[in-house]
Amino acid sequence: QVQVVESGGGLVQAGGSLKLSCAASGNTFSINAMGWYRQAPGKQRELVAAISIGVGTNYADSVKGRFTISRDNAKNTVYLQMNSLKPEDTAVYYCNVRRVAGTTTYTTWGQGTQVTVSS
């Protein structure tokens, strides 16, 4: 199993920056993808950014050029640097970790961290 701990959410004014962190522990050797999703009130959870072995990074169109995802493999930690934040970025952000064991894919979600951007 994999456990994840998120940190870094908070309240920021529009145009500001925040950096989210997600540290994974446990069976981290089989992790092949880590990413961030978000869910705003009344909306579905959506992919924000992900970093995958053999694939690289991908971003939602709405955050391209503003957000950067990175991973420290030694620390099994994924980061999301969020710049030029907008009120529409307000949501609960969830870390997602995917690992593969044999032919089975396992997904672990973090508890979520609130990001609020004021106008």
PDB file of N, CA and C in Angstrom:
ATOM      1  N   GLN A   1       0.831  -1.194   0.000  1.00  0.00           N
ATOM      2  CA  GLN A   1       0.000   0.000   0.000  1.00  0.00           C
ATOM      3  C   GLN A   1       0.868   1.247   0.000  1.00  0.00           C
ATOM      4  N   VAL A   2       0.264   2.339  -0.446  1.00  0.00           N
ATOM      5  CA  VAL A   2       0.927   3.638  -0.449  1.00  0.00           C
ATOM      6  C   VAL A   2       0.090   4.613   0.366  1.00  0.00           C
ATOM      7  N   GLN A   3       0.757   5.399   1.182  1.00  0.00           N
ATOM      8  CA  GLN A   3       0.092   6.469   1.910  1.00  0.00           C
ATOM      9  C   GLN A   3       0.632   7.802   1.385  1.00  0.00           C
ATOM     10  N   VAL A   4      -0.234   8.813   1.381  1.00  0.00           N
ATOM     11  CA  VAL A   4       0.197  10.125   0.908  1.00  0.00           C
ATOM     12  C   VAL A   4      -0.216  11.181   1.912  1.00  0.00           C
ATOM     13  N   VAL A   5       0.634  12.184   2.029  1.00  0.00           N
ATOM     14  CA  VAL A   5       0.356  13.325   2.901  1.00  0.00           C
ATOM     15  C   VAL A   5       0.553  14.590   2.093  1.00  0.00           C
ATOM     16  N   GLU A   6      -0.482  15.396   2.041  1.00  0.00           N
ATOM     17  CA  GLU A   6      -0.453  16.643   1.268  1.00  0.00           C
ATOM     18  C   GLU A   6      -0.218  17.831   2.198  1.00  0.00           C
ATOM     19  N   SER A   7       0.332  18.867   1.625  1.00  0.00           N
ATOM     20  CA  SER A   7       0.498  20.114   2.374  1.00  0.00           C
ATOM     21  C   SER A   7       0.609  21.260   1.390  1.00  0.00           C
ATOM     22  N   GLY A   8       0.422  22.474   1.891  1.00  0.00           N
ATOM     23  CA  GLY A   8       0.688  23.664   1.099  1.00  0.00           C
ATOM     24  C   GLY A   8      -0.512  24.476   0.661  1.00  0.00           C
ATOM     25  N   GLY A   9      -1.708  24.032   0.943  1.00  0.00           N
ATOM     26  CA  GLY A   9      -2.867  24.817   0.550  1.00  0.00           C
ATOM     27  C   GLY A   9      -2.996  26.069   1.398  1.00  0.00           C
ATOM     28  N   GLY A  10      -3.970  26.901   1.046  1.00  0.00           N
ATOM     29  CA  GLY A  10      -4.196  28.107   1.820  1.00  0.00           C
ATOM     30  C   GLY A  10      -4.992  29.145   1.056  1.00  0.00           C
ATOM     31  N   LEU A  11      -4.972  30.356   1.607  1.00  0.00           N
ATOM     32  CA  LEU A  11      -5.688  31.487   1.020  1.00  0.00           C
ATOM     33  C   LEU A  11      -4.679  32.437   0.403  1.00  0.00           C
ATOM     34  N   VAL A  12      -4.939  32.845  -0.824  1.00  0.00           N
ATOM     35  CA  VAL A  12      -4.036  33.756  -1.525  1.00  0.00           C
ATOM     36  C   VAL A  12      -4.857  34.689  -2.402  1.00  0.00           C
ATOM     37  N   GLN A  13      -4.325  35.867  -2.631  1.00  0.00           N
ATOM     38  CA  GLN A  13      -5.000  36.806  -3.516  1.00  0.00           C
ATOM     39  C   GLN A  13      -4.747  36.444  -4.974  1.00  0.00           C
ATOM     40  N   ALA A  14      -5.636  36.873  -5.827  1.00  0.00           N
ATOM     41  CA  ALA A  14      -5.472  36.640  -7.260  1.00  0.00           C
ATOM     42  C   ALA A  14      -4.126  37.206  -7.714  1.00  0.00           C
ATOM     43  N   GLY A  15      -3.452  36.417  -8.542  1.00  0.00           N
ATOM     44  CA  GLY A  15      -2.125  36.793  -9.006  1.00  0.00           C
ATOM     45  C   GLY A  15      -1.006  36.236  -8.151  1.00  0.00           C
ATOM     46  N   GLY A  16      -1.354  35.689  -7.010  1.00  0.00           N
ATOM     47  CA  GLY A  16      -0.358  35.148  -6.108  1.00  0.00           C
ATOM     48  C   GLY A  16       0.048  33.734  -6.459  1.00  0.00           C
ATOM     49  N   SER A  17       0.859  33.161  -5.582  1.00  0.00           N
ATOM     50  CA  SER A  17       1.406  31.827  -5.820  1.00  0.00           C
ATOM     51  C   SER A  17       1.252  30.949  -4.581  1.00  0.00           C
ATOM     52  N   LEU A  18       1.166  29.661  -4.823  1.00  0.00           N
ATOM     53  CA  LEU A  18       1.182  28.645  -3.780  1.00  0.00           C
ATOM     54  C   LEU A  18       1.923  27.438  -4.317  1.00  0.00           C
ATOM     55  N   LYS A  19       2.498  26.663  -3.400  1.00  0.00           N
ATOM     56  CA  LYS A  19       3.151  25.420  -3.798  1.00  0.00           C
ATOM     57  C   LYS A  19       2.598  24.297  -2.949  1.00  0.00           C
ATOM     58  N   LEU A  20       2.063  23.292  -3.616  1.00  0.00           N
ATOM     59  CA  LEU A  20       1.538  22.116  -2.943  1.00  0.00           C
ATOM     60  C   LEU A  20       2.583  21.006  -2.965  1.00  0.00           C
ATOM     61  N   SER A  21       2.593  20.213  -1.902  1.00  0.00           N
ATOM     62  CA  SER A  21       3.492  19.064  -1.815  1.00  0.00           C
ATOM     63  C   SER A  21       2.688  17.823  -1.475  1.00  0.00           C
ATOM     64  N   CYS A  22       3.139  16.702  -1.989  1.00  0.00           N
ATOM     65  CA  CYS A  22       2.513  15.414  -1.686  1.00  0.00           C
ATOM     66  C   CYS A  22       3.616  14.385  -1.522  1.00  0.00           C
ATOM     67  N   ALA A  23       3.759  13.887  -0.304  1.00  0.00           N
ATOM     68  CA  ALA A  23       4.790  12.905  -0.003  1.00  0.00           C
ATOM     69  C   ALA A  23       4.171  11.522   0.102  1.00  0.00           C
ATOM     70  N   ALA A  24       4.737  10.578  -0.622  1.00  0.00           N
ATOM     71  CA  ALA A  24       4.243   9.208  -0.612  1.00  0.00           C
ATOM     72  C   ALA A  24       5.167   8.331   0.229  1.00  0.00           C
ATOM     73  N   SER A  25       4.574   7.353   0.889  1.00  0.00           N
ATOM     74  CA  SER A  25       5.343   6.396   1.672  1.00  0.00           C
ATOM     75  C   SER A  25       4.707   5.020   1.519  1.00  0.00           C
ATOM     76  N   GLY A  26       5.447   4.008   1.920  1.00  0.00           N
ATOM     77  CA  GLY A  26       4.958   2.636   1.786  1.00  0.00           C
ATOM     78  C   GLY A  26       5.569   1.974   0.567  1.00  0.00           C
ATOM     79  N   ASN A  27       4.781   1.312  -0.242  1.00  0.00           N
ATOM     80  CA  ASN A  27       5.265   0.605  -1.431  1.00  0.00           C
ATOM     81  C   ASN A  27       5.495   1.571  -2.596  1.00  0.00           C
ATOM     82  N   THR A  28       6.439   2.454  -2.400  1.00  0.00           N
ATOM     83  CA  THR A  28       6.659   3.498  -3.394  1.00  0.00           C
ATOM     84  C   THR A  28       7.455   3.025  -4.602  1.00  0.00           C
ATOM     85  N   PHE A  29       8.076   1.857  -4.515  1.00  0.00           N
ATOM     86  CA  PHE A  29       8.956   1.417  -5.597  1.00  0.00           C
ATOM     87  C   PHE A  29       8.176   1.162  -6.885  1.00  0.00           C
ATOM     88  N   SER A  30       6.879   0.883  -6.776  1.00  0.00           N
ATOM     89  CA  SER A  30       6.102   0.565  -7.967  1.00  0.00           C
ATOM     90  C   SER A  30       5.247   1.728  -8.457  1.00  0.00           C
ATOM     91  N   ILE A  31       5.494   2.919  -7.914  1.00  0.00           N
ATOM     92  CA  ILE A  31       4.733   4.084  -8.367  1.00  0.00           C
ATOM     93  C   ILE A  31       5.146   4.436  -9.786  1.00  0.00           C
ATOM     94  N   ASN A  32       4.186   4.611 -10.668  1.00  0.00           N
ATOM     95  CA  ASN A  32       4.531   5.010 -12.029  1.00  0.00           C
ATOM     96  C   ASN A  32       3.900   6.339 -12.431  1.00  0.00           C
ATOM     97  N   ALA A  33       3.064   6.902 -11.582  1.00  0.00           N
ATOM     98  CA  ALA A  33       2.488   8.211 -11.900  1.00  0.00           C
ATOM     99  C   ALA A  33       2.053   8.906 -10.612  1.00  0.00           C
ATOM    100  N   MET A  34       2.238  10.213 -10.589  1.00  0.00           N
ATOM    101  CA  MET A  34       1.770  11.035  -9.478  1.00  0.00           C
ATOM    102  C   MET A  34       1.163  12.292 -10.073  1.00  0.00           C
ATOM    103  N   GLY A  35       0.111  12.771  -9.449  1.00  0.00           N
ATOM    104  CA  GLY A  35      -0.526  13.953 -10.028  1.00  0.00           C
ATOM    105  C   GLY A  35      -1.426  14.657  -9.046  1.00  0.00           C
ATOM    106  N   TRP A  36      -2.031  15.718  -9.546  1.00  0.00           N
ATOM    107  CA  TRP A  36      -2.947  16.537  -8.767  1.00  0.00           C
ATOM    108  C   TRP A  36      -4.264  16.678  -9.508  1.00  0.00           C
ATOM    109  N   TYR A  37      -5.331  16.524  -8.754  1.00  0.00           N
ATOM    110  CA  TYR A  37      -6.679  16.763  -9.240  1.00  0.00           C
ATOM    111  C   TYR A  37      -7.291  17.850  -8.358  1.00  0.00           C
ATOM    112  N   ARG A  38      -8.366  18.419  -8.807  1.00  0.00           N
ATOM    113  CA  ARG A  38      -9.073  19.399  -7.984  1.00  0.00           C
ATOM    114  C   ARG A  38     -10.579  19.270  -8.168  1.00  0.00           C
ATOM    115  N   GLN A  39     -11.286  19.690  -7.142  1.00  0.00           N
ATOM    116  CA  GLN A  39     -12.737  19.651  -7.187  1.00  0.00           C
ATOM    117  C   GLN A  39     -13.285  20.918  -6.551  1.00  0.00           C
ATOM    118  N   ALA A  40     -13.974  21.686  -7.361  1.00  0.00           N
ATOM    119  CA  ALA A  40     -14.631  22.895  -6.878  1.00  0.00           C
ATOM    120  C   ALA A  40     -16.059  22.546  -6.470  1.00  0.00           C
ATOM    121  N   PRO A  41     -16.671  23.345  -5.617  1.00  0.00           N
ATOM    122  CA  PRO A  41     -18.049  23.057  -5.186  1.00  0.00           C
ATOM    123  C   PRO A  41     -18.994  22.929  -6.374  1.00  0.00           C
ATOM    124  N   GLY A  42     -19.756  21.849  -6.374  1.00  0.00           N
ATOM    125  CA  GLY A  42     -20.730  21.633  -7.429  1.00  0.00           C
ATOM    126  C   GLY A  42     -20.165  21.150  -8.745  1.00  0.00           C
ATOM    127  N   LYS A  43     -18.868  20.880  -8.776  1.00  0.00           N
ATOM    128  CA  LYS A  43     -18.231  20.428 -10.019  1.00  0.00           C
ATOM    129  C   LYS A  43     -17.583  19.076  -9.824  1.00  0.00           C
ATOM    130  N   GLN A  44     -17.299  18.430 -10.940  1.00  0.00           N
ATOM    131  CA  GLN A  44     -16.630  17.136 -10.888  1.00  0.00           C
ATOM    132  C   GLN A  44     -15.137  17.318 -10.637  1.00  0.00           C
ATOM    133  N   ARG A  45     -14.548  16.295 -10.086  1.00  0.00           N
ATOM    134  CA  ARG A  45     -13.103  16.304  -9.893  1.00  0.00           C
ATOM    135  C   ARG A  45     -12.428  16.259 -11.263  1.00  0.00           C
ATOM    136  N   GLU A  46     -11.412  17.089 -11.429  1.00  0.00           N
ATOM    137  CA  GLU A  46     -10.734  17.151 -12.715  1.00  0.00           C
ATOM    138  C   GLU A  46      -9.221  17.082 -12.540  1.00  0.00           C
ATOM    139  N   LEU A  47      -8.570  16.567 -13.568  1.00  0.00           N
ATOM    140  CA  LEU A  47      -7.113  16.514 -13.568  1.00  0.00           C
ATOM    141  C   LEU A  47      -6.550  17.918 -13.706  1.00  0.00           C
ATOM    142  N   VAL A  48      -5.560  18.219 -12.871  1.00  0.00           N
ATOM    143  CA  VAL A  48      -4.841  19.486 -12.984  1.00  0.00           C
ATOM    144  C   VAL A  48      -3.507  19.253 -13.687  1.00  0.00           C
ATOM    145  N   ALA A  49      -2.737  18.320 -13.160  1.00  0.00           N
ATOM    146  CA  ALA A  49      -1.432  18.016 -13.743  1.00  0.00           C
ATOM    147  C   ALA A  49      -0.974  16.651 -13.257  1.00  0.00           C
ATOM    148  N   ALA A  50      -0.204  15.986 -14.075  1.00  0.00           N
ATOM    149  CA  ALA A  50       0.310  14.669 -13.703  1.00  0.00           C
ATOM    150  C   ALA A  50       1.685  14.485 -14.312  1.00  0.00           C
ATOM    151  N   ILE A  51       2.472  13.644 -13.655  1.00  0.00           N
ATOM    152  CA  ILE A  51       3.800  13.305 -14.140  1.00  0.00           C
ATOM    153  C   ILE A  51       3.920  11.790 -14.107  1.00  0.00           C
ATOM    154  N   SER A  52       4.235  11.212 -15.238  1.00  0.00           N
ATOM    155  CA  SER A  52       4.209   9.763 -15.371  1.00  0.00           C
ATOM    156  C   SER A  52       5.513   9.251 -15.969  1.00  0.00           C
ATOM    157  N   ILE A  53       5.930   8.099 -15.481  1.00  0.00           N
ATOM    158  CA  ILE A  53       7.126   7.471 -16.037  1.00  0.00           C
ATOM    159  C   ILE A  53       6.860   7.074 -17.481  1.00  0.00           C
ATOM    160  N   GLY A  54       7.756   7.443 -18.362  1.00  0.00           N
ATOM    161  CA  GLY A  54       7.622   7.083 -19.761  1.00  0.00           C
ATOM    162  C   GLY A  54       6.705   7.980 -20.555  1.00  0.00           C
ATOM    163  N   VAL A  55       5.988   8.848 -19.849  1.00  0.00           N
ATOM    164  CA  VAL A  55       5.053   9.738 -20.546  1.00  0.00           C
ATOM    165  C   VAL A  55       5.467  11.187 -20.386  1.00  0.00           C
ATOM    166  N   GLY A  56       5.902  11.528 -19.191  1.00  0.00           N
ATOM    167  CA  GLY A  56       6.277  12.907 -18.910  1.00  0.00           C
ATOM    168  C   GLY A  56       5.172  13.604 -18.154  1.00  0.00           C
ATOM    169  N   THR A  57       4.958  14.861 -18.481  1.00  0.00           N
ATOM    170  CA  THR A  57       3.971  15.656 -17.773  1.00  0.00           C
ATOM    171  C   THR A  57       2.797  16.006 -18.678  1.00  0.00           C
ATOM    172  N   ASN A  58       1.648  16.182 -18.084  1.00  0.00           N
ATOM    173  CA  ASN A  58       0.511  16.725 -18.813  1.00  0.00           C
ATOM    174  C   ASN A  58      -0.280  17.632 -17.886  1.00  0.00           C
ATOM    175  N   TYR A  59      -0.901  18.626 -18.486  1.00  0.00           N
ATOM    176  CA  TYR A  59      -1.600  19.658 -17.743  1.00  0.00           C
ATOM    177  C   TYR A  59      -2.995  19.905 -18.325  1.00  0.00           C
ATOM    178  N   ALA A  60      -3.885  20.328 -17.454  1.00  0.00           N
ATOM    179  CA  ALA A  60      -5.175  20.822 -17.940  1.00  0.00           C
ATOM    180  C   ALA A  60      -4.922  22.119 -18.706  1.00  0.00           C
ATOM    181  N   ASP A  61      -5.690  22.342 -19.745  1.00  0.00           N
ATOM    182  CA  ASP A  61      -5.498  23.550 -20.558  1.00  0.00           C
ATOM    183  C   ASP A  61      -5.620  24.814 -19.708  1.00  0.00           C
ATOM    184  N   SER A  62      -6.463  24.768 -18.707  1.00  0.00           N
ATOM    185  CA  SER A  62      -6.731  25.957 -17.899  1.00  0.00           C
ATOM    186  C   SER A  62      -5.549  26.376 -17.030  1.00  0.00           C
ATOM    187  N   VAL A  63      -4.569  25.489 -16.848  1.00  0.00           N
ATOM    188  CA  VAL A  63      -3.442  25.823 -15.973  1.00  0.00           C
ATOM    189  C   VAL A  63      -2.113  25.871 -16.719  1.00  0.00           C
ATOM    190  N   LYS A  64      -2.119  25.533 -17.989  1.00  0.00           N
ATOM    191  CA  LYS A  64      -0.875  25.553 -18.766  1.00  0.00           C
ATOM    192  C   LYS A  64      -0.250  26.941 -18.739  1.00  0.00           C
ATOM    193  N   GLY A  65       1.056  26.969 -18.499  1.00  0.00           N
ATOM    194  CA  GLY A  65       1.765  28.230 -18.445  1.00  0.00           C
ATOM    195  C   GLY A  65       1.736  28.885 -17.081  1.00  0.00           C
ATOM    196  N   ARG A  66       0.888  28.401 -16.181  1.00  0.00           N
ATOM    197  CA  ARG A  66       0.804  28.969 -14.828  1.00  0.00           C
ATOM    198  C   ARG A  66       1.245  27.981 -13.756  1.00  0.00           C
ATOM    199  N   PHE A  67       0.941  26.713 -13.949  1.00  0.00           N
ATOM    200  CA  PHE A  67       1.262  25.678 -12.969  1.00  0.00           C
ATOM    201  C   PHE A  67       2.401  24.804 -13.492  1.00  0.00           C
ATOM    202  N   THR A  68       3.220  24.328 -12.566  1.00  0.00           N
ATOM    203  CA  THR A  68       4.303  23.420 -12.919  1.00  0.00           C
ATOM    204  C   THR A  68       4.318  22.256 -11.944  1.00  0.00           C
ATOM    205  N   ILE A  69       4.291  21.048 -12.478  1.00  0.00           N
ATOM    206  CA  ILE A  69       4.386  19.859 -11.641  1.00  0.00           C
ATOM    207  C   ILE A  69       5.811  19.328 -11.717  1.00  0.00           C
ATOM    208  N   SER A  70       6.309  18.857 -10.584  1.00  0.00           N
ATOM    209  CA  SER A  70       7.648  18.277 -10.546  1.00  0.00           C
ATOM    210  C   SER A  70       7.668  17.159  -9.509  1.00  0.00           C
ATOM    211  N   ARG A  71       8.693  16.338  -9.608  1.00  0.00           N
ATOM    212  CA  ARG A  71       8.777  15.182  -8.710  1.00  0.00           C
ATOM    213  C   ARG A  71      10.204  15.012  -8.228  1.00  0.00           C
ATOM    214  N   ASP A  72      10.337  14.770  -6.953  1.00  0.00           N
ATOM    215  CA  ASP A  72      11.627  14.415  -6.349  1.00  0.00           C
ATOM    216  C   ASP A  72      11.578  12.923  -6.070  1.00  0.00           C
ATOM    217  N   ASN A  73      12.216  12.146  -6.923  1.00  0.00           N
ATOM    218  CA  ASN A  73      12.133  10.690  -6.795  1.00  0.00           C
ATOM    219  C   ASN A  73      12.768  10.185  -5.500  1.00  0.00           C
ATOM    220  N   ALA A  74      13.826  10.843  -5.068  1.00  0.00           N
ATOM    221  CA  ALA A  74      14.503  10.417  -3.846  1.00  0.00           C
ATOM    222  C   ALA A  74      13.600  10.568  -2.625  1.00  0.00           C
ATOM    223  N   LYS A  75      12.717  11.563  -2.678  1.00  0.00           N
ATOM    224  CA  LYS A  75      11.821  11.818  -1.555  1.00  0.00           C
ATOM    225  C   LYS A  75      10.411  11.287  -1.809  1.00  0.00           C
ATOM    226  N   ASN A  76      10.199  10.696  -2.990  1.00  0.00           N
ATOM    227  CA  ASN A  76       8.859  10.223  -3.355  1.00  0.00           C
ATOM    228  C   ASN A  76       7.811  11.313  -3.147  1.00  0.00           C
ATOM    229  N   THR A  77       8.166  12.490  -3.581  1.00  0.00           N
ATOM    230  CA  THR A  77       7.314  13.657  -3.382  1.00  0.00           C
ATOM    231  C   THR A  77       7.035  14.338  -4.716  1.00  0.00           C
ATOM    232  N   VAL A  78       5.799  14.745  -4.886  1.00  0.00           N
ATOM    233  CA  VAL A  78       5.413  15.501  -6.071  1.00  0.00           C
ATOM    234  C   VAL A  78       4.974  16.891  -5.624  1.00  0.00           C
ATOM    235  N   TYR A  79       5.344  17.879  -6.428  1.00  0.00           N
ATOM    236  CA  TYR A  79       5.038  19.266  -6.112  1.00  0.00           C
ATOM    237  C   TYR A  79       4.171  19.878  -7.213  1.00  0.00           C
ATOM    238  N   LEU A  80       3.382  20.853  -6.819  1.00  0.00           N
ATOM    239  CA  LEU A  80       2.634  21.622  -7.796  1.00  0.00           C
ATOM    240  C   LEU A  80       2.858  23.096  -7.474  1.00  0.00           C
ATOM    241  N   GLN A  81       3.654  23.734  -8.312  1.00  0.00           N
ATOM    242  CA  GLN A  81       3.884  25.167  -8.163  1.00  0.00           C
ATOM    243  C   GLN A  81       2.797  25.889  -8.940  1.00  0.00           C
ATOM    244  N   MET A  82       2.045  26.708  -8.240  1.00  0.00           N
ATOM    245  CA  MET A  82       0.916  27.406  -8.855  1.00  0.00           C
ATOM    246  C   MET A  82       1.186  28.905  -8.827  1.00  0.00           C
ATOM    247  N   ASN A  83       1.311  29.484 -10.003  1.00  0.00           N
ATOM    248  CA  ASN A  83       1.558  30.913 -10.133  1.00  0.00           C
ATOM    249  C   ASN A  83       0.377  31.588 -10.834  1.00  0.00           C
ATOM    250  N   SER A  84       0.325  32.892 -10.715  1.00  0.00           N
ATOM    251  CA  SER A  84      -0.741  33.680 -11.368  1.00  0.00           C
ATOM    252  C   SER A  84      -2.111  33.088 -11.072  1.00  0.00           C
ATOM    253  N   LEU A  85      -2.347  32.800  -9.816  1.00  0.00           N
ATOM    254  CA  LEU A  85      -3.594  32.142  -9.431  1.00  0.00           C
ATOM    255  C   LEU A  85      -4.800  33.034  -9.696  1.00  0.00           C
ATOM    256  N   LYS A  86      -5.884  32.370 -10.056  1.00  0.00           N
ATOM    257  CA  LYS A  86      -7.139  33.046 -10.374  1.00  0.00           C
ATOM    258  C   LYS A  86      -8.236  32.552  -9.428  1.00  0.00           C
ATOM    259  N   PRO A  87      -9.265  33.346  -9.225  1.00  0.00           N
ATOM    260  CA  PRO A  87     -10.362  32.878  -8.358  1.00  0.00           C
ATOM    261  C   PRO A  87     -10.947  31.546  -8.814  1.00  0.00           C
ATOM    262  N   GLU A  88     -10.950  31.295 -10.098  1.00  0.00           N
ATOM    263  CA  GLU A  88     -11.489  30.026 -10.597  1.00  0.00           C
ATOM    264  C   GLU A  88     -10.594  28.827 -10.293  1.00  0.00           C
ATOM    265  N   ASP A  89      -9.418  29.073  -9.742  1.00  0.00           N
ATOM    266  CA  ASP A  89      -8.565  27.973  -9.292  1.00  0.00           C
ATOM    267  C   ASP A  89      -8.970  27.487  -7.894  1.00  0.00           C
ATOM    268  N   THR A  90      -9.884  28.185  -7.272  1.00  0.00           N
ATOM    269  CA  THR A  90     -10.345  27.802  -5.940  1.00  0.00           C
ATOM    270  C   THR A  90     -10.979  26.414  -5.974  1.00  0.00           C
ATOM    271  N   ALA A  91     -10.481  25.536  -5.134  1.00  0.00           N
ATOM    272  CA  ALA A  91     -10.961  24.160  -5.111  1.00  0.00           C
ATOM    273  C   ALA A  91     -10.228  23.400  -4.014  1.00  0.00           C
ATOM    274  N   VAL A  92     -10.689  22.189  -3.769  1.00  0.00           N
ATOM    275  CA  VAL A  92      -9.901  21.259  -2.952  1.00  0.00           C
ATOM    276  C   VAL A  92      -9.001  20.490  -3.913  1.00  0.00           C
ATOM    277  N   TYR A  93      -7.741  20.482  -3.623  1.00  0.00           N
ATOM    278  CA  TYR A  93      -6.753  19.822  -4.471  1.00  0.00           C
ATOM    279  C   TYR A  93      -6.367  18.485  -3.848  1.00  0.00           C
ATOM    280  N   TYR A  94      -6.405  17.453  -4.673  1.00  0.00           N
ATOM    281  CA  TYR A  94      -6.130  16.098  -4.202  1.00  0.00           C
ATOM    282  C   TYR A  94      -4.906  15.530  -4.910  1.00  0.00           C
ATOM    283  N   CYS A  95      -4.035  14.950  -4.126  1.00  0.00           N
ATOM    284  CA  CYS A  95      -2.902  14.229  -4.682  1.00  0.00           C
ATOM    285  C   CYS A  95      -3.361  12.840  -5.108  1.00  0.00           C
ATOM    286  N   ASN A  96      -2.839  12.384  -6.218  1.00  0.00           N
ATOM    287  CA  ASN A  96      -3.177  11.060  -6.745  1.00  0.00           C
ATOM    288  C   ASN A  96      -1.897  10.316  -7.065  1.00  0.00           C
ATOM    289  N   VAL A  97      -1.815   9.091  -6.560  1.00  0.00           N
ATOM    290  CA  VAL A  97      -0.635   8.268  -6.809  1.00  0.00           C
ATOM    291  C   VAL A  97      -1.086   6.958  -7.422  1.00  0.00           C
ATOM    292  N   ARG A  98      -0.453   6.583  -8.520  1.00  0.00           N
ATOM    293  CA  ARG A  98      -0.799   5.337  -9.184  1.00  0.00           C
ATOM    294  C   ARG A  98       0.413   4.423  -9.200  1.00  0.00           C
ATOM    295  N   ARG A  99       0.187   3.190  -8.846  1.00  0.00           N
ATOM    296  CA  ARG A  99       1.273   2.209  -8.905  1.00  0.00           C
ATOM    297  C   ARG A  99       0.774   0.947  -9.565  1.00  0.00           C
ATOM    298  N   VAL A 100       1.705   0.225 -10.120  1.00  0.00           N
ATOM    299  CA  VAL A 100       1.368  -1.001 -10.823  1.00  0.00           C
ATOM    300  C   VAL A 100       2.099  -2.154 -10.165  1.00  0.00           C
ATOM    301  N   ALA A 101       1.364  -3.204  -9.835  1.00  0.00           N
ATOM    302  CA  ALA A 101       1.942  -4.419  -9.270  1.00  0.00           C
ATOM    303  C   ALA A 101       1.428  -5.577 -10.118  1.00  0.00           C
ATOM    304  N   GLY A 102       2.325  -6.129 -10.930  1.00  0.00           N
ATOM    305  CA  GLY A 102       1.894  -7.169 -11.850  1.00  0.00           C
ATOM    306  C   GLY A 102       0.963  -6.588 -12.890  1.00  0.00           C
ATOM    307  N   THR A 103      -0.243  -7.108 -12.943  1.00  0.00           N
ATOM    308  CA  THR A 103      -1.221  -6.612 -13.907  1.00  0.00           C
ATOM    309  C   THR A 103      -2.280  -5.733 -13.247  1.00  0.00           C
ATOM    310  N   THR A 104      -2.056  -5.392 -11.985  1.00  0.00           N
ATOM    311  CA  THR A 104      -3.042  -4.615 -11.235  1.00  0.00           C
ATOM    312  C   THR A 104      -2.544  -3.201 -11.009  1.00  0.00           C
ATOM    313  N   THR A 105      -3.429  -2.244 -11.256  1.00  0.00           N
ATOM    314  CA  THR A 105      -3.124  -0.840 -10.995  1.00  0.00           C
ATOM    315  C   THR A 105      -3.843  -0.395  -9.731  1.00  0.00           C
ATOM    316  N   TYR A 106      -3.098   0.236  -8.842  1.00  0.00           N
ATOM    317  CA  TYR A 106      -3.650   0.729  -7.585  1.00  0.00           C
ATOM    318  C   TYR A 106      -3.586   2.247  -7.578  1.00  0.00           C
ATOM    319  N   THR A 107      -4.644   2.854  -7.082  1.00  0.00           N
ATOM    320  CA  THR A 107      -4.709   4.316  -7.008  1.00  0.00           C
ATOM    321  C   THR A 107      -4.932   4.733  -5.566  1.00  0.00           C
ATOM    322  N   THR A 108      -4.133   5.688  -5.122  1.00  0.00           N
ATOM    323  CA  THR A 108      -4.266   6.241  -3.779  1.00  0.00           C
ATOM    324  C   THR A 108      -4.554   7.734  -3.879  1.00  0.00           C
ATOM    325  N   TRP A 109      -5.503   8.186  -3.087  1.00  0.00           N
ATOM    326  CA  TRP A 109      -5.849   9.602  -3.043  1.00  0.00           C
ATOM    327  C   TRP A 109      -5.429  10.198  -1.699  1.00  0.00           C
ATOM    328  N   GLY A 110      -5.008  11.445  -1.752  1.00  0.00           N
ATOM    329  CA  GLY A 110      -4.758  12.175  -0.523  1.00  0.00           C
ATOM    330  C   GLY A 110      -6.059  12.675   0.063  1.00  0.00           C
ATOM    331  N   GLN A 111      -5.956  13.287   1.234  1.00  0.00           N
ATOM    332  CA  GLN A 111      -7.150  13.752   1.940  1.00  0.00           C
ATOM    333  C   GLN A 111      -7.675  15.064   1.377  1.00  0.00           C
ATOM    334  N   GLY A 112      -6.857  15.728   0.573  1.00  0.00           N
ATOM    335  CA  GLY A 112      -7.282  16.988  -0.022  1.00  0.00           C
ATOM    336  C   GLY A 112      -6.773  18.189   0.757  1.00  0.00           C
ATOM    337  N   THR A 113      -6.429  19.225   0.041  1.00  0.00           N
ATOM    338  CA  THR A 113      -6.000  20.472   0.667  1.00  0.00           C
ATOM    339  C   THR A 113      -6.712  21.635  -0.027  1.00  0.00           C
ATOM    340  N   GLN A 114      -7.246  22.523   0.765  1.00  0.00           N
ATOM    341  CA  GLN A 114      -8.054  23.613   0.224  1.00  0.00           C
ATOM    342  C   GLN A 114      -7.162  24.725  -0.316  1.00  0.00           C
ATOM    343  N   VAL A 115      -7.473  25.157  -1.526  1.00  0.00           N
ATOM    344  CA  VAL A 115      -6.835  26.335  -2.114  1.00  0.00           C
ATOM    345  C   VAL A 115      -7.933  27.342  -2.402  1.00  0.00           C
ATOM    346  N   THR A 116      -7.807  28.528  -1.829  1.00  0.00           N
ATOM    347  CA  THR A 116      -8.796  29.577  -2.022  1.00  0.00           C
ATOM    348  C   THR A 116      -8.096  30.809  -2.569  1.00  0.00           C
ATOM    349  N   VAL A 117      -8.587  31.291  -3.697  1.00  0.00           N
ATOM    350  CA  VAL A 117      -8.006  32.471  -4.340  1.00  0.00           C
ATOM    351  C   VAL A 117      -9.045  33.586  -4.308  1.00  0.00           C
ATOM    352  N   SER A 118      -8.712  34.650  -3.629  1.00  0.00           N
ATOM    353  CA  SER A 118      -9.643  35.765  -3.508  1.00  0.00           C
ATOM    354  C   SER A 118      -9.409  36.788  -4.622  1.00  0.00           C
ATOM    355  N   SER A 119     -10.477  37.428  -5.026  1.00  0.00           N
ATOM    356  CA  SER A 119     -10.370  38.413  -6.126  1.00  0.00           C
ATOM    357  C   SER A 119     -10.041  39.794  -5.590  1.00  0.00           C
TER     358      SER A 119
END
